[in-house]
Amino acid sequence: MGRKLKDSTWSHIHTAMLHARQGNVINAKLHAGIANDALKQAAHYLSEEDYKVLCEELAKVFKKLEE
């Protein structure tokens, strides 16, 4: 279950970024919200270390967007 939620988080993050680049704010927010929910649920199924790594990887992606 943790793996599926991790994959879902990434999938929806990438979809949100795609919609944002296309200017589709409504769909971007929708997918960002779904990714956020999946990430929160993943915390219950992943080990503490795996969850920490996932959050760090996501932070790197968001940091790159700032550049």
N, C-alpha and C. Protein backbone atom coordinates (compact mmCIF):
# COMPACT_ATOMS: atom_id res chain seq x y z
N MET A 1 0.82 -1.19 0.00
CA MET A 1 0.00 0.00 0.00
C MET A 1 0.87 1.26 0.00
N GLY A 2 1.95 1.25 0.78
CA GLY A 2 2.84 2.40 0.84
C GLY A 2 3.43 2.72 -0.51
N ARG A 3 3.81 1.69 -1.23
CA ARG A 3 4.40 1.87 -2.57
C ARG A 3 3.38 2.50 -3.52
N LYS A 4 2.13 2.04 -3.47
CA LYS A 4 1.09 2.59 -4.33
C LYS A 4 0.84 4.07 -4.01
N LEU A 5 0.85 4.40 -2.73
CA LEU A 5 0.63 5.80 -2.34
C LEU A 5 1.81 6.68 -2.74
N LYS A 6 3.00 6.13 -2.64
CA LYS A 6 4.19 6.86 -3.08
C LYS A 6 4.10 7.12 -4.59
N ASP A 7 3.76 6.09 -5.36
CA ASP A 7 3.62 6.24 -6.80
C ASP A 7 2.51 7.23 -7.15
N SER A 8 1.42 7.18 -6.41
CA SER A 8 0.31 8.09 -6.63
C SER A 8 0.72 9.53 -6.36
N THR A 9 1.49 9.73 -5.30
CA THR A 9 1.98 11.07 -4.97
C THR A 9 2.78 11.62 -6.14
N TRP A 10 3.74 10.84 -6.63
CA TRP A 10 4.57 11.30 -7.75
C TRP A 10 3.75 11.54 -9.00
N SER A 11 2.85 10.64 -9.30
CA SER A 11 2.03 10.77 -10.49
C SER A 11 1.22 12.06 -10.47
N HIS A 12 0.60 12.35 -9.35
CA HIS A 12 -0.23 13.55 -9.25
C HIS A 12 0.61 14.82 -9.17
N ILE A 13 1.80 14.75 -8.61
CA ILE A 13 2.70 15.91 -8.61
C ILE A 13 3.07 16.25 -10.05
N HIS A 14 3.47 15.24 -10.81
CA HIS A 14 3.85 15.49 -12.21
C HIS A 14 2.66 15.99 -13.03
N THR A 15 1.49 15.44 -12.78
CA THR A 15 0.30 15.89 -13.49
C THR A 15 -0.04 17.33 -13.12
N ALA A 16 0.09 17.66 -11.84
CA ALA A 16 -0.17 19.04 -11.39
C ALA A 16 0.79 20.01 -12.06
N MET A 17 2.06 19.63 -12.14
CA MET A 17 3.06 20.51 -12.78
C MET A 17 2.75 20.69 -14.27
N LEU A 18 2.34 19.61 -14.92
CA LEU A 18 1.98 19.69 -16.34
C LEU A 18 0.82 20.66 -16.54
N HIS A 19 -0.23 20.53 -15.75
CA HIS A 19 -1.38 21.42 -15.88
C HIS A 19 -1.00 22.86 -15.55
N ALA A 20 -0.14 23.04 -14.57
CA ALA A 20 0.30 24.40 -14.21
C ALA A 20 1.06 25.04 -15.38
N ARG A 21 1.94 24.27 -16.01
CA ARG A 21 2.69 24.80 -17.17
C ARG A 21 1.76 25.16 -18.32
N GLN A 22 0.66 24.43 -18.42
CA GLN A 22 -0.31 24.68 -19.49
C GLN A 22 -1.29 25.80 -19.13
N GLY A 23 -1.17 26.30 -17.89
CA GLY A 23 -2.05 27.38 -17.45
C GLY A 23 -3.39 26.93 -16.93
N ASN A 24 -3.56 25.64 -16.72
CA ASN A 24 -4.82 25.10 -16.23
C ASN A 24 -4.77 25.02 -14.70
N VAL A 25 -5.07 26.14 -14.07
CA VAL A 25 -4.92 26.26 -12.62
C VAL A 25 -5.85 25.32 -11.87
N ILE A 26 -7.07 25.19 -12.32
CA ILE A 26 -8.05 24.34 -11.61
C ILE A 26 -7.57 22.90 -11.54
N ASN A 27 -7.14 22.34 -12.67
CA ASN A 27 -6.66 20.96 -12.67
C ASN A 27 -5.34 20.82 -11.92
N ALA A 28 -4.49 21.84 -12.01
CA ALA A 28 -3.22 21.80 -11.28
C ALA A 28 -3.48 21.73 -9.77
N LYS A 29 -4.39 22.54 -9.29
CA LYS A 29 -4.72 22.52 -7.85
C LYS A 29 -5.37 21.20 -7.45
N LEU A 30 -6.22 20.68 -8.32
CA LEU A 30 -6.88 19.40 -8.03
C LEU A 30 -5.84 18.29 -7.85
N HIS A 31 -4.90 18.19 -8.78
CA HIS A 31 -3.90 17.13 -8.70
C HIS A 31 -2.90 17.38 -7.57
N ALA A 32 -2.60 18.63 -7.29
CA ALA A 32 -1.74 18.93 -6.14
C ALA A 32 -2.41 18.50 -4.84
N GLY A 33 -3.70 18.71 -4.74
CA GLY A 33 -4.45 18.28 -3.55
C GLY A 33 -4.48 16.77 -3.40
N ILE A 34 -4.66 16.08 -4.51
CA ILE A 34 -4.66 14.61 -4.48
C ILE A 34 -3.28 14.11 -4.08
N ALA A 35 -2.24 14.73 -4.62
CA ALA A 35 -0.87 14.34 -4.25
C ALA A 35 -0.63 14.56 -2.76
N ASN A 36 -1.11 15.67 -2.25
CA ASN A 36 -0.97 15.97 -0.83
C ASN A 36 -1.68 14.91 0.03
N ASP A 37 -2.87 14.54 -0.36
CA ASP A 37 -3.61 13.50 0.37
C ASP A 37 -2.88 12.16 0.32
N ALA A 38 -2.37 11.81 -0.85
CA ALA A 38 -1.63 10.55 -0.99
C ALA A 38 -0.38 10.56 -0.12
N LEU A 39 0.30 11.69 -0.07
CA LEU A 39 1.50 11.81 0.75
C LEU A 39 1.17 11.64 2.23
N LYS A 40 0.10 12.26 2.65
CA LYS A 40 -0.32 12.13 4.06
C LYS A 40 -0.65 10.67 4.40
N GLN A 41 -1.33 9.99 3.49
CA GLN A 41 -1.67 8.59 3.74
C GLN A 41 -0.43 7.70 3.68
N ALA A 42 0.52 8.04 2.82
CA ALA A 42 1.75 7.25 2.71
C ALA A 42 2.50 7.23 4.04
N ALA A 43 2.38 8.29 4.80
CA ALA A 43 3.06 8.35 6.10
C ALA A 43 2.62 7.21 7.02
N HIS A 44 1.42 6.72 6.82
CA HIS A 44 0.90 5.63 7.65
C HIS A 44 1.40 4.25 7.21
N TYR A 45 1.86 4.15 5.97
CA TYR A 45 2.21 2.84 5.42
C TYR A 45 3.70 2.66 5.14
N LEU A 46 4.44 3.76 5.00
CA LEU A 46 5.87 3.66 4.76
C LEU A 46 6.63 3.68 6.08
N SER A 47 7.82 3.12 6.04
CA SER A 47 8.68 3.24 7.22
C SER A 47 9.05 4.72 7.40
N GLU A 48 9.47 5.06 8.58
CA GLU A 48 9.86 6.44 8.85
C GLU A 48 10.96 6.90 7.90
N GLU A 49 11.92 6.03 7.67
CA GLU A 49 13.03 6.35 6.77
C GLU A 49 12.55 6.54 5.33
N ASP A 50 11.70 5.63 4.84
CA ASP A 50 11.19 5.73 3.48
C ASP A 50 10.36 7.00 3.30
N TYR A 51 9.57 7.35 4.30
CA TYR A 51 8.76 8.56 4.23
C TYR A 51 9.65 9.80 4.21
N LYS A 52 10.68 9.77 5.02
CA LYS A 52 11.63 10.89 5.06
C LYS A 52 12.30 11.08 3.70
N VAL A 53 12.72 10.00 3.09
CA VAL A 53 13.36 10.05 1.77
C VAL A 53 12.38 10.60 0.74
N LEU A 54 11.16 10.14 0.77
CA LEU A 54 10.14 10.62 -0.17
C LEU A 54 9.95 12.13 -0.02
N CYS A 55 9.83 12.60 1.20
CA CYS A 55 9.65 14.04 1.44
C CYS A 55 10.86 14.84 0.97
N GLU A 56 12.05 14.30 1.18
CA GLU A 56 13.26 14.99 0.72
C GLU A 56 13.31 15.06 -0.80
N GLU A 57 12.91 13.98 -1.46
CA GLU A 57 12.89 13.96 -2.92
C GLU A 57 11.88 14.97 -3.46
N LEU A 58 10.72 15.04 -2.82
CA LEU A 58 9.71 16.02 -3.24
C LEU A 58 10.22 17.44 -3.03
N ALA A 59 10.89 17.67 -1.90
CA ALA A 59 11.44 19.00 -1.61
C ALA A 59 12.44 19.41 -2.68
N LYS A 60 13.24 18.47 -3.16
CA LYS A 60 14.21 18.77 -4.22
C LYS A 60 13.52 19.20 -5.50
N VAL A 61 12.42 18.53 -5.82
CA VAL A 61 11.66 18.88 -7.03
C VAL A 61 11.11 20.30 -6.90
N PHE A 62 10.55 20.61 -5.75
CA PHE A 62 9.98 21.94 -5.55
C PHE A 62 11.06 23.01 -5.53
N LYS A 63 12.21 22.68 -5.00
CA LYS A 63 13.34 23.62 -4.96
C LYS A 63 13.78 23.96 -6.39
N LYS A 64 13.80 22.92 -7.25
CA LYS A 64 14.18 23.13 -8.65
C LYS A 64 13.20 24.07 -9.36
N LEU A 65 11.94 23.99 -8.98
CA LEU A 65 10.92 24.84 -9.61
C LEU A 65 11.16 26.31 -9.30
N GLU A 66 11.78 26.58 -8.17
CA GLU A 66 12.05 27.95 -7.78
C GLU A 66 13.15 28.58 -8.61
N GLU A 67 14.02 27.76 -9.19
CA GLU A 67 15.18 28.26 -9.94
C GLU A 67 14.79 28.82 -11.28
